[in-house]
Amino acid sequence: GPACVSGQDPYRLNQFIQSQDFSDAATKAFSEARNLIKDGEWAKAEQSFNRFIASHPNDKDIAAAHYYLAFALKQQNRFQEADKWLIQLIEKFPGPSWGTDARTMRLEIAPRLNNKKVIEDGVGAENDEIKLAALQSLFEAKPERAIALAAEILKSGSGASRLMREGAITLLTD
């Protein structure tokens, strides 16, 4: 009866307080880990984001944590591991906010991994940010093809965006 209901309330309240603590702890852990990124403490940042992902798998910042972990690995020239985390990020959170950034970083490290398929897919992407990162990587992987593509972008009537045109000019004049 009614006694049961009131009996449940304190429990519910405790549960709520615990989940609040949990998310505050997560927020604190996340910002501490991100400060390590800002300070260029790549190895420590990597450990902190690894712990964060293990401890708070459903946190609102989990996609960002994947991204920063990959970034910390990339900064340590551990491209293969970075790529694995980026693939996970793209699979779990394909949305534009982190998905685009993850695909862009995958393209940046693709030449180091000799990952031609990623570069080819990127060149054909709809998103200009991804396309431009692909073009940059193509300059490292296959300069002659990249130059031809950049020339296409700069042709009048190519329909390329300003971002793509400016990017192509920068790449050709570097």
N, C-alpha and C. Protein backbone atom coordinates (compact mmCIF):
# COMPACT_ATOMS: atom_id res chain seq x y z
N GLY A 1 0.82 -1.20 0.00
CA GLY A 1 0.00 0.00 0.00
C GLY A 1 0.85 1.25 0.00
N PRO A 2 0.29 2.37 0.45
CA PRO A 2 0.99 3.65 0.43
C PRO A 2 2.31 3.61 1.19
N ALA A 3 2.38 2.81 2.24
CA ALA A 3 3.61 2.74 3.04
C ALA A 3 4.78 2.32 2.16
N CYS A 4 4.53 1.38 1.24
CA CYS A 4 5.59 0.92 0.33
C CYS A 4 6.13 2.06 -0.51
N VAL A 5 5.21 2.85 -1.03
CA VAL A 5 5.60 3.96 -1.90
C VAL A 5 6.54 4.89 -1.16
N SER A 6 6.15 5.30 0.06
CA SER A 6 7.01 6.22 0.79
C SER A 6 8.33 5.51 1.16
N GLY A 7 8.24 4.20 1.35
CA GLY A 7 9.45 3.42 1.63
C GLY A 7 10.43 3.44 0.47
N GLN A 8 9.91 3.57 -0.73
CA GLN A 8 10.78 3.56 -1.92
C GLN A 8 11.45 4.91 -2.16
N ASP A 9 10.82 5.95 -1.72
CA ASP A 9 11.31 7.28 -2.05
C ASP A 9 12.75 7.56 -1.61
N PRO A 10 13.08 7.29 -0.35
CA PRO A 10 14.47 7.57 0.06
C PRO A 10 15.47 6.80 -0.83
N TYR A 11 15.09 5.59 -1.21
CA TYR A 11 15.97 4.79 -2.07
C TYR A 11 16.16 5.48 -3.42
N ARG A 12 15.05 5.94 -3.98
CA ARG A 12 15.10 6.64 -5.26
C ARG A 12 15.98 7.88 -5.15
N LEU A 13 15.80 8.60 -4.05
CA LEU A 13 16.57 9.81 -3.83
C LEU A 13 18.06 9.48 -3.77
N ASN A 14 18.40 8.43 -3.01
CA ASN A 14 19.80 8.02 -2.91
C ASN A 14 20.38 7.68 -4.27
N GLN A 15 19.57 6.96 -5.04
CA GLN A 15 20.00 6.56 -6.37
C GLN A 15 20.30 7.79 -7.21
N PHE A 16 19.40 8.78 -7.08
CA PHE A 16 19.56 10.01 -7.84
C PHE A 16 20.85 10.73 -7.40
N ILE A 17 21.06 10.82 -6.09
CA ILE A 17 22.26 11.49 -5.57
C ILE A 17 23.51 10.77 -6.06
N GLN A 18 23.48 9.43 -6.03
CA GLN A 18 24.63 8.66 -6.49
C GLN A 18 24.92 8.92 -7.97
N SER A 19 23.85 8.94 -8.78
CA SER A 19 24.09 9.14 -10.21
C SER A 19 24.61 10.56 -10.46
N GLN A 20 24.16 11.53 -9.64
CA GLN A 20 24.68 12.89 -9.74
C GLN A 20 26.17 12.91 -9.42
N ASP A 21 26.54 12.27 -8.31
CA ASP A 21 27.96 12.19 -7.93
C ASP A 21 28.76 11.59 -9.06
N PHE A 22 28.20 10.53 -9.64
CA PHE A 22 28.89 9.80 -10.69
C PHE A 22 29.17 10.72 -11.87
N SER A 23 28.15 11.49 -12.27
CA SER A 23 28.36 12.35 -13.44
C SER A 23 29.30 13.50 -13.10
N ASP A 24 29.26 13.98 -11.84
CA ASP A 24 30.21 15.02 -11.45
C ASP A 24 31.64 14.49 -11.46
N ALA A 25 31.80 13.28 -10.96
CA ALA A 25 33.12 12.64 -10.97
C ALA A 25 33.60 12.49 -12.41
N ALA A 26 32.68 12.12 -13.30
CA ALA A 26 33.02 11.96 -14.71
C ALA A 26 33.44 13.30 -15.31
N THR A 27 32.66 14.34 -15.02
CA THR A 27 32.96 15.67 -15.56
C THR A 27 34.34 16.13 -15.09
N LYS A 28 34.63 15.90 -13.82
CA LYS A 28 35.91 16.28 -13.24
C LYS A 28 37.04 15.49 -13.91
N ALA A 29 36.84 14.18 -14.04
CA ALA A 29 37.86 13.31 -14.66
C ALA A 29 38.11 13.73 -16.10
N PHE A 30 37.03 14.06 -16.79
CA PHE A 30 37.15 14.46 -18.20
C PHE A 30 37.94 15.76 -18.33
N SER A 31 37.61 16.76 -17.49
CA SER A 31 38.30 18.04 -17.65
C SER A 31 39.76 17.94 -17.22
N GLU A 32 40.05 17.08 -16.24
CA GLU A 32 41.45 16.87 -15.85
C GLU A 32 42.23 16.23 -17.00
N ALA A 33 41.61 15.26 -17.64
CA ALA A 33 42.28 14.58 -18.77
C ALA A 33 42.49 15.56 -19.92
N ARG A 34 41.48 16.41 -20.14
CA ARG A 34 41.61 17.36 -21.25
C ARG A 34 42.69 18.41 -20.97
N ASN A 35 42.86 18.77 -19.71
CA ASN A 35 43.94 19.70 -19.36
C ASN A 35 45.31 19.10 -19.66
N LEU A 36 45.43 17.79 -19.52
CA LEU A 36 46.69 17.12 -19.85
C LEU A 36 46.97 17.24 -21.35
N ILE A 37 45.90 17.19 -22.16
CA ILE A 37 46.05 17.40 -23.60
C ILE A 37 46.55 18.82 -23.86
N LYS A 38 45.91 19.80 -23.19
CA LYS A 38 46.31 21.20 -23.35
C LYS A 38 47.77 21.40 -22.98
N ASP A 39 48.23 20.68 -21.96
CA ASP A 39 49.61 20.83 -21.49
C ASP A 39 50.60 19.99 -22.31
N GLY A 40 50.08 19.24 -23.28
CA GLY A 40 50.96 18.41 -24.11
C GLY A 40 51.52 17.20 -23.37
N GLU A 41 50.83 16.78 -22.32
CA GLU A 41 51.25 15.58 -21.56
C GLU A 41 50.58 14.36 -22.20
N TRP A 42 51.11 13.95 -23.34
CA TRP A 42 50.39 12.95 -24.15
C TRP A 42 50.23 11.61 -23.44
N ALA A 43 51.29 11.10 -22.82
CA ALA A 43 51.22 9.78 -22.17
C ALA A 43 50.24 9.80 -21.00
N LYS A 44 50.30 10.87 -20.21
CA LYS A 44 49.38 10.98 -19.07
C LYS A 44 47.94 11.15 -19.55
N ALA A 45 47.76 11.94 -20.59
CA ALA A 45 46.42 12.14 -21.14
C ALA A 45 45.85 10.82 -21.64
N GLU A 46 46.70 10.06 -22.32
CA GLU A 46 46.29 8.74 -22.83
C GLU A 46 45.79 7.87 -21.69
N GLN A 47 46.55 7.80 -20.59
CA GLN A 47 46.15 6.99 -19.43
C GLN A 47 44.83 7.49 -18.85
N SER A 48 44.71 8.81 -18.73
CA SER A 48 43.50 9.38 -18.12
C SER A 48 42.26 9.11 -18.97
N PHE A 49 42.39 9.28 -20.29
CA PHE A 49 41.22 9.03 -21.15
C PHE A 49 40.89 7.54 -21.22
N ASN A 50 41.90 6.70 -21.17
CA ASN A 50 41.66 5.25 -21.11
C ASN A 50 40.84 4.90 -19.87
N ARG A 51 41.25 5.46 -18.73
CA ARG A 51 40.53 5.23 -17.46
C ARG A 51 39.11 5.77 -17.56
N PHE A 52 38.98 6.97 -18.13
CA PHE A 52 37.66 7.60 -18.25
C PHE A 52 36.71 6.71 -19.05
N ILE A 53 37.20 6.20 -20.18
CA ILE A 53 36.36 5.36 -21.06
C ILE A 53 35.96 4.07 -20.35
N ALA A 54 36.89 3.51 -19.58
CA ALA A 54 36.59 2.28 -18.84
C ALA A 54 35.59 2.55 -17.71
N SER A 55 35.73 3.69 -17.02
CA SER A 55 34.91 3.97 -15.84
C SER A 55 33.55 4.59 -16.17
N HIS A 56 33.48 5.34 -17.26
CA HIS A 56 32.25 6.09 -17.55
C HIS A 56 31.77 5.83 -18.99
N PRO A 57 31.49 4.56 -19.31
CA PRO A 57 31.20 4.23 -20.72
C PRO A 57 29.95 4.91 -21.28
N ASN A 58 29.05 5.38 -20.41
CA ASN A 58 27.81 6.00 -20.91
C ASN A 58 27.77 7.50 -20.68
N ASP A 59 28.91 8.07 -20.36
CA ASP A 59 28.93 9.51 -20.06
C ASP A 59 28.67 10.33 -21.32
N LYS A 60 28.17 11.55 -21.12
CA LYS A 60 27.89 12.45 -22.26
C LYS A 60 29.16 12.79 -23.03
N ASP A 61 30.31 12.73 -22.38
CA ASP A 61 31.57 13.10 -23.03
C ASP A 61 32.33 11.90 -23.61
N ILE A 62 31.68 10.76 -23.69
CA ILE A 62 32.40 9.53 -24.08
C ILE A 62 32.95 9.62 -25.52
N ALA A 63 32.20 10.22 -26.42
CA ALA A 63 32.69 10.34 -27.81
C ALA A 63 33.92 11.24 -27.85
N ALA A 64 33.86 12.35 -27.12
CA ALA A 64 34.99 13.28 -27.05
C ALA A 64 36.20 12.57 -26.46
N ALA A 65 35.98 11.73 -25.46
CA ALA A 65 37.08 11.00 -24.81
C ALA A 65 37.78 10.08 -25.81
N HIS A 66 37.01 9.40 -26.65
CA HIS A 66 37.59 8.56 -27.71
C HIS A 66 38.49 9.41 -28.61
N TYR A 67 37.96 10.58 -28.97
CA TYR A 67 38.70 11.46 -29.89
C TYR A 67 40.01 11.92 -29.27
N TYR A 68 39.95 12.39 -28.02
CA TYR A 68 41.16 12.90 -27.37
C TYR A 68 42.17 11.79 -27.10
N LEU A 69 41.66 10.59 -26.81
CA LEU A 69 42.57 9.46 -26.62
C LEU A 69 43.32 9.18 -27.92
N ALA A 70 42.59 9.17 -29.03
CA ALA A 70 43.23 8.95 -30.33
C ALA A 70 44.25 10.05 -30.61
N PHE A 71 43.89 11.29 -30.25
CA PHE A 71 44.79 12.43 -30.47
C PHE A 71 46.08 12.26 -29.66
N ALA A 72 45.95 11.84 -28.40
CA ALA A 72 47.12 11.64 -27.54
C ALA A 72 48.02 10.55 -28.11
N LEU A 73 47.42 9.50 -28.67
CA LEU A 73 48.19 8.41 -29.28
C LEU A 73 48.89 8.90 -30.55
N LYS A 74 48.16 9.68 -31.34
CA LYS A 74 48.73 10.24 -32.57
C LYS A 74 49.96 11.09 -32.24
N GLN A 75 49.86 11.90 -31.19
CA GLN A 75 50.97 12.76 -30.80
C GLN A 75 52.20 11.95 -30.35
N GLN A 76 51.97 10.69 -29.97
CA GLN A 76 53.07 9.81 -29.59
C GLN A 76 53.51 8.93 -30.77
N ASN A 77 53.04 9.28 -31.96
CA ASN A 77 53.34 8.51 -33.18
C ASN A 77 52.86 7.07 -33.11
N ARG A 78 51.83 6.82 -32.31
CA ARG A 78 51.25 5.47 -32.23
C ARG A 78 49.99 5.46 -33.11
N PHE A 79 50.27 5.52 -34.42
CA PHE A 79 49.19 5.75 -35.39
C PHE A 79 48.21 4.59 -35.48
N GLN A 80 48.72 3.36 -35.39
CA GLN A 80 47.86 2.18 -35.50
C GLN A 80 46.82 2.16 -34.37
N GLU A 81 47.28 2.44 -33.15
CA GLU A 81 46.36 2.46 -32.00
C GLU A 81 45.37 3.62 -32.12
N ALA A 82 45.87 4.76 -32.54
CA ALA A 82 45.00 5.92 -32.73
C ALA A 82 43.90 5.58 -33.73
N ASP A 83 44.29 4.94 -34.82
CA ASP A 83 43.34 4.56 -35.87
C ASP A 83 42.25 3.65 -35.32
N LYS A 84 42.63 2.69 -34.47
CA LYS A 84 41.65 1.76 -33.88
C LYS A 84 40.58 2.52 -33.08
N TRP A 85 41.03 3.49 -32.27
CA TRP A 85 40.07 4.26 -31.48
C TRP A 85 39.18 5.12 -32.38
N LEU A 86 39.75 5.65 -33.44
CA LEU A 86 38.96 6.48 -34.36
C LEU A 86 37.90 5.64 -35.07
N ILE A 87 38.26 4.41 -35.45
CA ILE A 87 37.29 3.51 -36.09
C ILE A 87 36.14 3.24 -35.12
N GLN A 88 36.48 2.97 -33.85
CA GLN A 88 35.46 2.73 -32.83
C GLN A 88 34.55 3.94 -32.69
N LEU A 89 35.17 5.11 -32.65
CA LEU A 89 34.41 6.36 -32.51
C LEU A 89 33.43 6.52 -33.66
N ILE A 90 33.91 6.30 -34.88
CA ILE A 90 33.06 6.46 -36.07
C ILE A 90 31.91 5.45 -36.07
N GLU A 91 32.20 4.22 -35.61
CA GLU A 91 31.16 3.19 -35.57
C GLU A 91 30.12 3.49 -34.50
N LYS A 92 30.58 3.92 -33.31
CA LYS A 92 29.66 4.14 -32.19
C LYS A 92 28.92 5.47 -32.28
N PHE A 93 29.60 6.49 -32.78
CA PHE A 93 29.02 7.84 -32.80
C PHE A 93 29.17 8.45 -34.19
N PRO A 94 28.40 7.95 -35.16
CA PRO A 94 28.60 8.39 -36.54
C PRO A 94 28.12 9.82 -36.81
N GLY A 95 27.47 10.44 -35.83
CA GLY A 95 26.91 11.78 -36.02
C GLY A 95 27.96 12.79 -36.48
N PRO A 96 27.49 13.94 -36.99
CA PRO A 96 28.43 14.90 -37.57
C PRO A 96 29.44 15.47 -36.58
N SER A 97 29.03 15.63 -35.30
CA SER A 97 29.93 16.38 -34.41
C SER A 97 31.28 15.70 -34.23
N TRP A 98 31.32 14.45 -33.79
CA TRP A 98 32.62 13.79 -33.59
C TRP A 98 32.99 12.93 -34.78
N GLY A 99 31.99 12.44 -35.52
CA GLY A 99 32.26 11.59 -36.68
C GLY A 99 33.15 12.28 -37.71
N THR A 100 32.84 13.55 -37.99
CA THR A 100 33.62 14.31 -38.97
C THR A 100 35.06 14.50 -38.49
N ASP A 101 35.21 14.88 -37.22
CA ASP A 101 36.55 15.09 -36.67
C ASP A 101 37.35 13.79 -36.68
N ALA A 102 36.67 12.70 -36.36
CA ALA A 102 37.35 11.39 -36.32
C ALA A 102 37.80 10.99 -37.73
N ARG A 103 36.94 11.20 -38.70
CA ARG A 103 37.29 10.84 -40.09
C ARG A 103 38.45 11.71 -40.58
N THR A 104 38.43 12.98 -40.18
CA THR A 104 39.51 13.90 -40.57
C THR A 104 40.84 13.44 -39.97
N MET A 105 40.83 13.06 -38.69
CA MET A 105 42.08 12.59 -38.07
C MET A 105 42.55 11.28 -38.69
N ARG A 106 41.61 10.41 -39.02
CA ARG A 106 42.00 9.15 -39.69
C ARG A 106 42.73 9.46 -41.00
N LEU A 107 42.26 10.48 -41.69
CA LEU A 107 42.90 10.87 -42.96
C LEU A 107 44.29 11.45 -42.73
N GLU A 108 44.43 12.23 -41.65
CA GLU A 108 45.74 12.82 -41.34
C GLU A 108 46.79 11.75 -41.10
N ILE A 109 46.38 10.64 -40.45
CA ILE A 109 47.37 9.60 -40.15
C ILE A 109 47.43 8.50 -41.22
N ALA A 110 46.52 8.55 -42.19
CA ALA A 110 46.47 7.51 -43.23
C ALA A 110 47.80 7.33 -43.97
N PRO A 111 48.51 8.42 -44.34
CA PRO A 111 49.80 8.22 -45.04
C PRO A 111 50.81 7.45 -44.18
N ARG A 112 50.79 7.68 -42.85
CA ARG A 112 51.72 6.97 -41.96
C ARG A 112 51.44 5.48 -41.94
N LEU A 113 50.18 5.14 -42.13
CA LEU A 113 49.76 3.73 -42.08
C LEU A 113 49.65 3.13 -43.48
N ASN A 114 50.01 3.94 -44.47
CA ASN A 114 49.87 3.54 -45.86
C ASN A 114 48.45 3.06 -46.15
N ASN A 115 47.50 3.80 -45.61
CA ASN A 115 46.09 3.41 -45.67
C ASN A 115 45.40 4.08 -46.86
N LYS A 116 45.65 3.54 -48.03
CA LYS A 116 45.18 4.18 -49.27
C LYS A 116 43.66 4.21 -49.39
N LYS A 117 43.01 3.18 -48.87
CA LYS A 117 41.55 3.11 -48.99
C LYS A 117 40.89 4.28 -48.24
N VAL A 118 41.40 4.58 -47.06
CA VAL A 118 40.84 5.68 -46.28
C VAL A 118 40.98 6.99 -47.06
N ILE A 119 42.13 7.18 -47.70
CA ILE A 119 42.38 8.40 -48.48
C ILE A 119 41.42 8.45 -49.67
N GLU A 120 41.30 7.34 -50.39
CA GLU A 120 40.40 7.29 -51.56
C GLU A 120 38.96 7.59 -51.16
N ASP A 121 38.51 6.96 -50.06
CA ASP A 121 37.13 7.21 -49.60
C ASP A 121 36.95 8.68 -49.22
N GLY A 122 37.99 9.24 -48.62
CA GLY A 122 37.91 10.64 -48.18
C GLY A 122 37.82 11.61 -49.34
N VAL A 123 38.54 11.30 -50.42
CA VAL A 123 38.52 12.17 -51.60
C VAL A 123 37.11 12.26 -52.17
N GLY A 124 36.35 11.18 -52.04
CA GLY A 124 34.98 11.16 -52.56
C GLY A 124 33.92 11.57 -51.57
N ALA A 125 34.33 12.04 -50.38
CA ALA A 125 33.36 12.38 -49.33
C ALA A 125 32.52 13.59 -49.73
N GLU A 126 31.32 13.66 -49.14
CA GLU A 126 30.44 14.81 -49.36
C GLU A 126 30.97 16.03 -48.61
N ASN A 127 31.47 15.76 -47.41
CA ASN A 127 31.88 16.82 -46.49
C ASN A 127 33.21 17.43 -46.91
N ASP A 128 33.24 18.76 -47.07
CA ASP A 128 34.45 19.44 -47.56
C ASP A 128 35.64 19.34 -46.62
N GLU A 129 35.36 19.35 -45.32
CA GLU A 129 36.44 19.26 -44.33
C GLU A 129 37.17 17.92 -44.51
N ILE A 130 36.39 16.86 -44.68
CA ILE A 130 36.95 15.52 -44.87
C ILE A 130 37.67 15.45 -46.21
N LYS A 131 37.05 16.00 -47.23
CA LYS A 131 37.63 15.99 -48.58
C LYS A 131 38.99 16.69 -48.62
N LEU A 132 39.07 17.82 -47.90
CA LEU A 132 40.30 18.60 -47.87
C LEU A 132 41.40 17.84 -47.14
N ALA A 133 41.04 17.20 -46.02
CA ALA A 133 42.01 16.38 -45.29
C ALA A 133 42.50 15.24 -46.18
N ALA A 134 41.60 14.68 -46.98
CA ALA A 134 41.97 13.59 -47.89
C ALA A 134 42.94 14.11 -48.95
N LEU A 135 42.66 15.30 -49.46
CA LEU A 135 43.54 15.89 -50.48
C LEU A 135 44.94 16.13 -49.91
N GLN A 136 44.98 16.63 -48.66
CA GLN A 136 46.27 16.85 -48.01
C GLN A 136 47.06 15.54 -47.88
N SER A 137 46.37 14.49 -47.47
CA SER A 137 47.03 13.19 -47.31
C SER A 137 47.47 12.63 -48.65
N LEU A 138 46.67 12.92 -49.67
CA LEU A 138 47.01 12.46 -51.02
C LEU A 138 48.30 13.13 -51.50
N PHE A 139 48.53 14.36 -51.08
CA PHE A 139 49.78 15.06 -51.42
C PHE A 139 50.99 14.33 -50.85
N GLU A 140 50.80 13.67 -49.69
CA GLU A 140 51.90 12.88 -49.12
C GLU A 140 52.01 11.52 -49.79
N ALA A 141 50.84 10.93 -50.06
CA ALA A 141 50.83 9.55 -50.55
C ALA A 141 51.08 9.47 -52.06
N LYS A 142 50.38 10.32 -52.83
CA LYS A 142 50.47 10.29 -54.30
C LYS A 142 50.44 11.72 -54.83
N PRO A 143 51.59 12.41 -54.74
CA PRO A 143 51.61 13.85 -55.09
C PRO A 143 51.05 14.15 -56.47
N GLU A 144 51.40 13.35 -57.47
CA GLU A 144 50.98 13.68 -58.83
C GLU A 144 49.46 13.63 -58.97
N ARG A 145 48.83 12.67 -58.30
CA ARG A 145 47.37 12.58 -58.36
C ARG A 145 46.73 13.74 -57.59
N ALA A 146 47.35 14.12 -56.48
CA ALA A 146 46.83 15.23 -55.67
C ALA A 146 46.88 16.54 -56.46
N ILE A 147 47.98 16.74 -57.18
CA ILE A 147 48.14 17.96 -57.97
C ILE A 147 47.06 18.03 -59.05
N ALA A 148 46.80 16.89 -59.69
CA ALA A 148 45.76 16.83 -60.72
C ALA A 148 44.38 17.15 -60.12
N LEU A 149 44.12 16.59 -58.94
CA LEU A 149 42.83 16.85 -58.28
C LEU A 149 42.69 18.31 -57.88
N ALA A 150 43.78 18.89 -57.35
CA ALA A 150 43.75 20.29 -56.95
C ALA A 150 43.48 21.18 -58.16
N ALA A 151 44.10 20.83 -59.29
CA ALA A 151 43.90 21.60 -60.53
C ALA A 151 42.43 21.53 -60.96
N GLU A 152 41.82 20.35 -60.83
CA GLU A 152 40.39 20.18 -61.15
C GLU A 152 39.53 21.11 -60.31
N ILE A 153 39.85 21.15 -58.99
CA ILE A 153 39.08 21.97 -58.06
C ILE A 153 39.15 23.44 -58.47
N LEU A 154 40.32 23.86 -58.97
CA LEU A 154 40.53 25.27 -59.29
C LEU A 154 40.01 25.67 -60.66
N LYS A 155 39.64 24.70 -61.49
CA LYS A 155 39.06 25.02 -62.80
C LYS A 155 37.79 25.84 -62.62
N SER A 156 37.58 26.81 -63.51
CA SER A 156 36.34 27.57 -63.38
C SER A 156 35.19 26.64 -63.72
N GLY A 157 34.10 26.79 -63.01
CA GLY A 157 32.95 25.93 -63.23
C GLY A 157 33.06 24.57 -62.55
N SER A 158 34.06 24.39 -61.70
CA SER A 158 34.20 23.10 -60.99
C SER A 158 33.13 22.96 -59.92
N GLY A 159 32.54 24.08 -59.51
CA GLY A 159 31.50 24.04 -58.47
C GLY A 159 32.06 23.79 -57.08
N ALA A 160 33.39 23.84 -56.94
CA ALA A 160 34.01 23.60 -55.63
C ALA A 160 33.74 24.78 -54.70
N SER A 161 33.63 24.47 -53.42
CA SER A 161 33.38 25.52 -52.42
C SER A 161 34.63 26.38 -52.24
N ARG A 162 34.44 27.51 -51.56
CA ARG A 162 35.57 28.40 -51.29
C ARG A 162 36.61 27.69 -50.43
N LEU A 163 36.13 26.91 -49.45
CA LEU A 163 37.03 26.15 -48.59
C LEU A 163 37.94 25.24 -49.43
N MET A 164 37.33 24.54 -50.40
CA MET A 164 38.09 23.62 -51.24
C MET A 164 39.07 24.36 -52.14
N ARG A 165 38.62 25.48 -52.69
CA ARG A 165 39.50 26.27 -53.57
C ARG A 165 40.71 26.80 -52.81
N GLU A 166 40.42 27.39 -51.64
CA GLU A 166 41.52 27.94 -50.83
C GLU A 166 42.46 26.84 -50.37
N GLY A 167 41.88 25.70 -50.02
CA GLY A 167 42.69 24.55 -49.61
C GLY A 167 43.59 24.07 -50.73
N ALA A 168 43.03 24.00 -51.94
CA ALA A 168 43.79 23.55 -53.11
C ALA A 168 44.95 24.52 -53.41
N ILE A 169 44.67 25.82 -53.30
CA ILE A 169 45.71 26.82 -53.55
C ILE A 169 46.85 26.67 -52.54
N THR A 170 46.47 26.54 -51.27
CA THR A 170 47.47 26.38 -50.20
C THR A 170 48.35 25.16 -50.48
N LEU A 171 47.72 24.06 -50.84
CA LEU A 171 48.47 22.82 -51.08
C LEU A 171 49.41 22.96 -52.28
N LEU A 172 48.93 23.63 -53.31
CA LEU A 172 49.74 23.77 -54.53
C LEU A 172 50.90 24.75 -54.33
N THR A 173 50.72 25.72 -53.44
CA THR A 173 51.76 26.75 -53.30
C THR A 173 52.70 26.48 -52.12
N ASP A 174 52.39 25.46 -51.31
CA ASP A 174 53.26 25.15 -50.16
C ASP A 174 54.64 24.70 -50.58
